C-alpha atoms as a PDB file:
ATOM      1  CA  MET A   1     -28.865  21.242 131.913  1.00  0.00           C
ATOM      2  CA  THR A   2     -29.336  17.994 130.054  1.00  0.00           C
ATOM      3  CA  VAL A   3     -28.404  14.743 131.741  1.00  0.00           C
ATOM      4  CA  ILE A   4     -27.390  11.903 129.456  1.00  0.00           C
ATOM      5  CA  ILE A   5     -28.693   8.590 130.789  1.00  0.00           C
ATOM      6  CA  PRO A   6     -27.152   5.355 129.478  1.00  0.00           C
ATOM      7  CA  LYS A   7     -29.696   3.189 127.662  1.00  0.00           C
ATOM      8  CA  GLU A   8     -29.134   0.293 130.077  1.00  0.00           C
ATOM      9  CA  VAL A   9     -29.939   2.520 133.059  1.00  0.00           C
ATOM     10  CA  TYR A  10     -32.993   3.971 131.303  1.00  0.00           C
ATOM     11  CA  LEU A  11     -34.339   0.520 130.452  1.00  0.00           C
ATOM     12  CA  THR A  12     -33.771  -0.633 134.030  1.00  0.00           C
ATOM     13  CA  ILE A  13     -35.756   2.330 135.362  1.00  0.00           C
ATOM     14  CA  VAL A  14     -38.559   1.705 132.867  1.00  0.00           C
ATOM     15  CA  ALA A  15     -38.690  -2.000 133.755  1.00  0.00           C
ATOM     16  CA  ALA A  16     -38.823  -1.191 137.474  1.00  0.00           C
ATOM     17  CA  THR A  17     -41.598   1.349 136.883  1.00  0.00           C
ATOM     18  CA  VAL A  18     -43.632  -1.155 134.862  1.00  0.00           C
ATOM     19  CA  ARG A  19     -43.252  -3.805 137.573  1.00  0.00           C
ATOM     20  CA  TYR A  20     -44.321  -1.289 140.205  1.00  0.00           C
ATOM     21  CA  ALA A  21     -47.385  -0.298 138.176  1.00  0.00           C
ATOM     22  CA  ASN A  22     -48.328  -3.949 137.607  1.00  0.00           C
ATOM     23  CA  ALA A  23     -48.028  -4.611 141.332  1.00  0.00           C
ATOM     24  CA  ARG A  24     -50.404  -1.729 142.096  1.00  0.00           C
ATOM     25  CA  ILE A  25     -52.903  -2.600 139.345  1.00  0.00           C
ATOM     26  CA  PRO A  26     -54.143  -6.224 139.364  1.00  0.00           C
ATOM     27  CA  ARG A  27     -54.062  -7.680 135.851  1.00  0.00           C
ATOM     28  CA  ASP A  28     -57.807  -8.429 135.864  1.00  0.00           C
ATOM     29  CA  ASP A  29     -58.678  -4.816 136.664  1.00  0.00           C
ATOM     30  CA  TRP A  30     -56.191  -3.612 134.041  1.00  0.00           C
ATOM     31  CA  LEU A  31     -57.874  -5.763 131.373  1.00  0.00           C
ATOM     32  CA  GLU A  32     -61.285  -4.371 132.309  1.00  0.00           C
ATOM     33  CA  VAL A  33     -60.043  -0.792 131.987  1.00  0.00           C
ATOM     34  CA  SER A  34     -58.306  -1.272 128.621  1.00  0.00           C
END
């Protein structure tokens, strides 16, 4: 079963996930890794 997700909802989820990841990984450490 395929669930169609509106683009606005998808982008909101992605943005929230990115913010959550940034909160867990300090920017300085992230720069050292990449």
